[in-house]
Protein backbone atom coordinates (compact mmCIF):
# COMPACT_ATOMS: atom_id res chain seq x y z
CA MET A 1 49.68 -112.88 -21.62
CA GLN A 2 50.02 -109.57 -23.45
CA TYR A 3 53.57 -108.17 -23.54
CA LEU A 4 53.23 -105.79 -26.51
CA TYR A 5 51.52 -102.36 -26.35
CA GLY A 6 50.74 -99.65 -28.91
CA TYR A 7 49.81 -96.03 -28.17
CA GLU A 8 46.99 -95.88 -30.72
CA GLU A 9 45.45 -99.05 -29.30
CA LEU A 10 45.41 -97.98 -25.65
CA THR A 11 42.18 -95.98 -25.63
CA ILE A 12 40.73 -98.56 -23.24
CA ALA A 13 42.34 -101.06 -20.90
CA PRO A 14 42.79 -104.52 -22.48
CA ASP A 15 40.39 -107.17 -21.19
CA ASN A 16 43.00 -109.94 -21.43
CA PRO A 17 45.85 -110.63 -18.96
CA THR A 18 48.68 -108.09 -19.33
CA SER A 19 52.30 -108.15 -18.16
CA ALA A 20 52.04 -104.53 -16.99
CA ARG A 21 49.21 -102.53 -15.44
CA VAL A 22 47.66 -100.37 -18.15
CA GLU A 23 46.20 -96.88 -17.76
CA PRO A 24 44.52 -95.95 -21.07
CA ARG A 25 45.29 -92.73 -22.91
CA ARG A 26 44.08 -89.59 -21.11
CA VAL A 27 45.13 -86.18 -19.84
CA LEU A 28 47.72 -87.32 -17.30
CA SER A 29 47.62 -84.53 -14.71
CA GLY A 30 43.88 -84.06 -14.16
CA PRO A 31 40.36 -84.86 -15.36
CA THR A 32 40.59 -82.04 -17.94
CA LEU A 33 43.21 -79.66 -19.30
CA ALA A 34 41.73 -76.83 -17.27
CA THR A 35 42.01 -78.78 -13.99
CA GLY A 36 45.51 -80.20 -14.50
CA LYS A 37 48.99 -78.70 -14.53
CA SER A 38 50.13 -80.02 -17.91
CA SER A 39 48.84 -80.57 -21.44
CA THR A 40 50.42 -84.03 -21.63
CA ILE A 41 48.15 -86.77 -22.97
CA GLY A 42 49.37 -90.34 -22.72
CA ALA A 43 48.88 -94.01 -22.01
CA VAL A 44 50.85 -95.42 -19.06
CA LEU A 45 52.28 -98.89 -18.42
CA TYR A 46 53.25 -99.76 -14.85
CA GLY A 47 55.71 -102.56 -14.17
CA GLU A 48 57.14 -103.49 -10.80
CA HIS A 49 60.19 -101.22 -11.01
CA ILE A 50 59.55 -99.07 -14.10
CA ALA A 51 56.65 -97.00 -15.43
CA VAL A 52 56.56 -95.74 -19.02
CA ALA A 53 54.22 -93.48 -20.98
CA LEU A 54 53.73 -92.89 -24.67
CA ALA A 55 52.87 -89.21 -24.50
CA MET A 56 52.20 -86.06 -26.52
CA GLN A 57 51.90 -82.33 -25.95
CA ALA A 58 50.26 -79.92 -28.38
CA ALA A 59 52.63 -77.32 -29.84
CA GLY A 60 53.20 -74.36 -27.52
CA SER A 61 51.95 -76.13 -24.41
CA GLY A 62 53.28 -78.34 -21.64
CA ALA A 63 53.93 -78.74 -17.93
CA LYS A 64 54.23 -76.07 -15.25
CA ALA A 65 57.17 -76.18 -12.83
CA HIS A 66 56.83 -79.38 -10.80
CA THR A 67 58.84 -82.05 -9.06
CA HIS A 68 58.62 -85.72 -8.08
CA PRO A 69 60.70 -88.17 -6.05
CA ASN A 70 61.32 -90.50 -8.99
CA GLU A 71 63.73 -89.78 -11.83
CA GLN A 72 62.61 -89.45 -15.45
CA PHE A 73 64.06 -89.97 -18.92
CA ASN A 74 62.19 -88.62 -21.98
CA TYR A 75 63.13 -89.94 -25.43
CA ILE A 76 61.94 -87.46 -28.08
CA LEU A 77 60.09 -89.07 -30.99
CA GLN A 78 58.86 -85.92 -32.73
CA GLY A 79 59.23 -82.18 -32.18
CA VAL A 80 61.44 -80.30 -29.73
CA MET A 81 61.03 -80.23 -25.95
CA VAL A 82 62.13 -77.08 -24.10
CA SER A 83 62.78 -77.53 -20.39
CA ASP A 84 64.00 -75.72 -17.33
CA ILE A 85 65.74 -78.34 -15.16
CA ALA A 86 67.07 -77.29 -11.76
CA ALA A 87 69.36 -74.32 -12.54
CA GLU A 88 69.45 -74.98 -16.31
CA LYS A 89 67.15 -72.63 -18.23
CA GLN A 90 65.70 -73.40 -21.66
CA THR A 91 67.44 -76.64 -22.56
CA PHE A 92 66.27 -78.08 -25.88
CA GLY A 93 65.88 -81.75 -26.74
CA GLY A 94 65.07 -82.71 -30.33
CA LYS A 95 64.14 -85.92 -32.13
CA GLY A 96 66.32 -88.86 -31.10
CA MET A 97 67.61 -87.14 -27.95
CA ILE A 98 66.96 -87.96 -24.30
CA VAL A 99 66.05 -85.39 -21.64
CA HIS A 100 66.97 -86.60 -18.13
CA THR A 101 65.42 -85.20 -14.96
CA PRO A 102 66.98 -86.46 -11.70
CA SER A 103 64.73 -87.16 -8.73
CA MET A 104 63.39 -84.13 -6.83
CA SER A 105 64.62 -81.66 -9.47
CA VAL A 106 62.22 -78.79 -10.12
CA HIS A 107 61.57 -78.78 -13.86
CA THR A 108 59.24 -77.82 -16.68
CA GLY A 109 58.72 -79.33 -20.13
CA GLN A 110 56.88 -77.90 -23.13
CA ALA A 111 56.43 -78.58 -26.83
CA CYS A 112 58.20 -75.92 -28.90
CA PRO A 113 56.02 -73.83 -31.24
CA ASP A 114 56.63 -75.48 -34.62
CA GLU A 115 54.95 -78.88 -34.09
CA ASP A 116 53.35 -81.21 -31.57
CA LEU A 117 55.72 -83.12 -29.29
CA TYR A 118 55.70 -86.92 -28.97
CA PHE A 119 57.94 -88.60 -26.42
CA PHE A 120 58.54 -91.83 -24.52
CA ALA A 121 58.65 -91.09 -20.78
CA MET A 122 60.46 -93.53 -18.46
CA LYS A 123 60.29 -93.33 -14.65
CA ASP A 124 61.10 -95.52 -11.68
CA THR A 125 58.15 -96.50 -9.49
CA ARG A 126 59.02 -94.64 -6.27
CA HIS A 127 56.21 -92.28 -7.32
CA GLY A 128 53.45 -92.14 -9.92
CA ILE A 129 53.70 -90.82 -13.47
CA VAL A 130 52.73 -87.24 -12.46
CA GLY A 131 54.38 -84.89 -9.96
CA PRO A 132 52.68 -81.97 -8.15
CA PRO A 133 53.10 -78.37 -9.36
CA VAL A 134 55.47 -76.21 -7.33
CA ASP A 135 52.82 -73.50 -6.87
CA GLY A 136 50.22 -76.07 -5.75
CA LYS A 137 47.70 -74.88 -8.35
CA TYR A 138 45.99 -77.19 -10.82
CA ASP A 139 44.77 -74.41 -13.08
CA GLY A 140 45.80 -75.56 -16.52
CA PRO A 141 48.99 -76.15 -18.50
CA PHE A 142 51.94 -73.86 -19.06
CA TYR A 143 51.75 -72.08 -22.42
CA LEU A 144 54.44 -70.47 -24.51
CA PRO A 145 53.84 -66.94 -25.89
CA GLY A 146 51.20 -67.00 -28.62
CA PHE A 147 49.37 -70.09 -27.32
CA GLY A 148 46.44 -70.77 -24.98
CA LYS A 149 46.12 -68.18 -22.19
CA ARG A 150 49.08 -66.32 -23.76
CA ALA A 151 47.62 -66.13 -27.26
CA HIS A 152 47.82 -62.32 -27.16
CA GLU A 153 51.63 -62.39 -26.84
CA PRO A 154 53.95 -62.46 -29.89
CA ARG A 155 54.72 -66.01 -30.99
CA LEU A 156 58.29 -67.13 -31.65
CA THR A 157 59.41 -69.97 -33.88
CA THR A 158 61.39 -72.84 -32.40
CA ALA A 159 64.52 -71.54 -34.12
CA GLN A 160 63.99 -68.08 -32.62
CA MET A 161 63.57 -69.56 -29.15
CA MET A 162 66.77 -71.57 -29.48
CA ALA A 163 68.70 -68.61 -30.85
CA SER A 164 67.62 -66.37 -27.97
CA ALA A 165 68.36 -68.94 -25.24
CA SER A 166 71.46 -68.51 -23.14
CA THR A 167 73.95 -71.29 -23.89
CA GLU A 168 77.27 -72.08 -22.29
CA PRO A 169 78.85 -75.13 -23.98
CA HIS A 170 81.72 -75.23 -21.46
CA GLY A 171 81.88 -74.70 -17.73
CA GLY A 172 80.43 -76.10 -14.54
CA LYS A 173 76.81 -76.48 -15.66
CA THR A 174 75.07 -79.84 -15.67
CA ARG A 175 74.23 -81.73 -18.84
CA TYR A 176 70.66 -83.06 -18.91
CA ILE A 177 70.20 -83.43 -22.70
CA TYR A 178 71.84 -86.40 -24.45
CA ASP A 179 72.28 -86.62 -28.23
CA PHE A 180 73.10 -90.23 -29.06
CA ASN A 181 74.78 -89.16 -32.28
CA ASP A 182 77.37 -87.39 -30.09
CA LEU A 183 77.78 -88.49 -26.48
CA THR A 184 81.19 -86.82 -26.16
CA GLU A 185 81.47 -85.11 -22.78
CA LYS A 186 82.29 -81.39 -22.80
CA THR A 187 85.22 -80.05 -20.84
CA GLY A 188 84.33 -79.09 -17.27
CA ARG A 189 80.67 -80.02 -17.65
CA VAL A 190 78.97 -82.41 -15.21
CA THR A 191 76.53 -85.03 -16.54
CA SER A 192 73.27 -85.88 -14.76
CA ALA A 193 73.74 -89.58 -15.64
CA ARG A 194 76.79 -91.77 -16.24
CA VAL A 195 77.46 -92.05 -19.97
CA GLN A 196 78.71 -95.17 -21.75
CA PRO A 197 79.10 -94.48 -25.49
CA GLY A 198 80.02 -97.11 -28.05
CA ILE A 199 78.21 -100.15 -26.65
CA LYS A 200 77.87 -103.11 -29.07
CA PRO A 201 75.65 -105.84 -27.63
CA ALA A 202 75.65 -107.87 -30.89
CA ASP A 203 76.88 -107.78 -34.50
CA GLY A 204 75.11 -104.93 -36.30
CA ALA A 205 73.91 -103.36 -33.05
CA TYR A 206 75.53 -100.27 -31.58
CA GLY A 207 74.62 -97.26 -29.47
CA GLY A 208 75.01 -95.66 -26.06
CA LEU A 209 73.90 -96.16 -22.48
CA LEU A 210 72.89 -93.78 -19.69
CA ILE A 211 73.03 -95.06 -16.11
CA SER A 212 71.44 -93.18 -13.24
CA GLU A 213 70.05 -93.79 -9.77
CA LYS A 214 67.25 -96.26 -10.51
CA LEU A 215 67.14 -96.53 -14.31
CA GLN A 216 69.53 -97.31 -17.16
CA VAL A 217 68.54 -96.43 -20.72
CA ALA A 218 70.15 -97.63 -23.95
CA VAL A 219 69.51 -96.29 -27.44
CA LEU A 220 70.58 -98.87 -30.03
CA ASN A 221 70.75 -98.68 -33.82
CA LEU A 222 70.19 -102.06 -35.46
CA ALA A 223 71.31 -102.89 -39.00
CA PRO A 224 68.85 -104.90 -41.13
CA GLY A 225 68.78 -108.44 -39.79
CA ALA A 226 70.79 -107.60 -36.65
CA THR A 227 69.94 -110.15 -33.96
CA LEU A 228 69.77 -109.89 -30.19
CA PRO A 229 69.54 -113.62 -29.33
CA VAL A 230 66.94 -114.97 -26.92
CA HIS A 231 68.15 -114.47 -23.37
CA THR A 232 66.92 -113.68 -19.85
CA HIS A 233 67.98 -111.30 -17.09
CA ASP A 234 66.85 -110.46 -13.57
CA ASN A 235 66.01 -106.80 -14.14
CA GLU A 236 62.76 -105.54 -15.64
CA GLN A 237 62.78 -104.05 -19.14
CA PHE A 238 60.64 -101.99 -21.49
CA THR A 239 61.72 -101.63 -25.14
CA LEU A 240 60.31 -99.05 -27.53
CA VAL A 241 60.79 -99.36 -31.28
CA ALA A 242 61.48 -95.73 -32.15
CA GLN A 243 62.16 -96.30 -35.86
CA GLY A 244 61.71 -99.28 -38.18
CA ASP A 245 60.37 -102.59 -36.92
CA VAL A 246 61.62 -105.80 -35.34
CA ASP A 247 60.54 -109.43 -35.13
CA ALA A 248 60.52 -110.33 -31.45
CA SER A 249 60.28 -113.47 -29.41
CA ILE A 250 58.99 -113.19 -25.85
CA ALA A 251 58.03 -116.02 -23.54
CA GLY A 252 58.21 -118.39 -26.51
CA SER A 253 55.78 -116.43 -28.72
CA ALA A 254 56.71 -114.54 -31.90
CA CYS A 255 55.40 -111.07 -32.75
CA ARG A 256 56.14 -108.15 -35.06
CA VAL A 257 56.89 -104.97 -33.10
CA ARG A 258 56.08 -101.92 -35.20
CA GLU A 259 57.26 -98.34 -34.81
CA ARG A 260 56.13 -96.66 -31.56
CA PHE A 261 55.11 -99.96 -30.00
CA VAL A 262 56.49 -101.01 -26.61
CA MET A 263 57.49 -104.48 -25.45
CA HIS A 264 57.47 -105.22 -21.70
CA VAL A 265 59.82 -107.89 -20.36
CA PRO A 266 59.33 -108.84 -16.70
CA PRO A 267 62.36 -110.31 -14.87
CA GLY A 268 63.31 -113.80 -16.00
CA VAL A 269 61.16 -113.86 -19.16
CA PRO A 270 63.05 -115.14 -22.26
CA HIS A 271 63.16 -112.62 -25.11
CA GLY A 272 65.10 -111.65 -28.22
CA LEU A 273 64.64 -109.76 -31.47
CA VAL A 274 65.72 -109.45 -35.10
CA ALA A 275 65.68 -106.10 -36.94
CA GLY A 276 63.52 -105.85 -40.05
CA GLU A 277 64.70 -105.10 -43.58
CA ARG A 278 64.83 -101.34 -42.89
CA GLY A 279 66.81 -101.79 -39.69
CA ALA A 280 65.58 -100.23 -36.48
CA ARG A 281 66.33 -97.90 -33.61
CA ILE A 282 65.21 -99.13 -30.20
CA VAL A 283 65.10 -97.52 -26.75
CA THR A 284 65.52 -99.98 -23.88
CA VAL A 285 65.07 -99.08 -20.21
CA GLN A 286 65.99 -101.43 -17.37
CA ASP A 287 66.10 -100.99 -13.62
CA THR A 288 69.59 -100.76 -12.08
CA ARG A 289 69.32 -103.61 -9.59
CA PHE A 290 71.58 -105.56 -11.98
CA ALA A 291 74.02 -104.57 -14.73
CA PHE A 292 72.57 -103.67 -18.12
CA ALA A 293 71.88 -106.72 -20.29
CA GLY A 294 71.26 -106.11 -23.97
């Protein structure tokens, strides 16, 4: 049984038994860019309760305003994502941050101008990986000024976009962007997910946890050699190695999990890991039917 998946390898569906249903890498919202509503290219893994995608958007492009009945967390691996989420305009999520979109929220998401965007998308399975555009038109991605259909417009840098965006660090607005280097809540500001900073599931392992309607997502920093002992739990889990590498055990088999590879753990399957000599940062998503188990 295959439990380990890499973005670069998923150009075709594996021909061996897999723990998750695999959709190979493709344009996610349509047969072509011109007939979709987003520029996102990705490979998708479907479990019973969770779907994840290793995805990318070319600089200056992304998704039109859309919505879907499942919630979504995006962990940013490279680049900066700019999003409008519900009433929040031009929120920016950079490398190592999570962008959370609650269910049924109208939202956009694009790669800022300076570089291509790579991210790990996590959704519950009430709906598929793609939501319909608000305007009902599948006529190509959204482009920032200076790109694609808007190539004739003056192009801004990412820094210029961020500087010109309206920001209100305090007040009644909702927080959708989570920086795991600083999960401190701001006075008077509502969070889209419940925040648990300072979790320590094992010696040498620390981070934070976001808990929402159907999903709970932890970002953990692991010191070299830090060990999460072999254990089981009743909720489903996907774990991405965002930085470094780990030696993992799953269902009694050992494997090396390299950077940007994903491990799928169905309910009840024994698993554990040990961080490599460089240490590691991992992103773990579980369904919320049971309490989070590191």
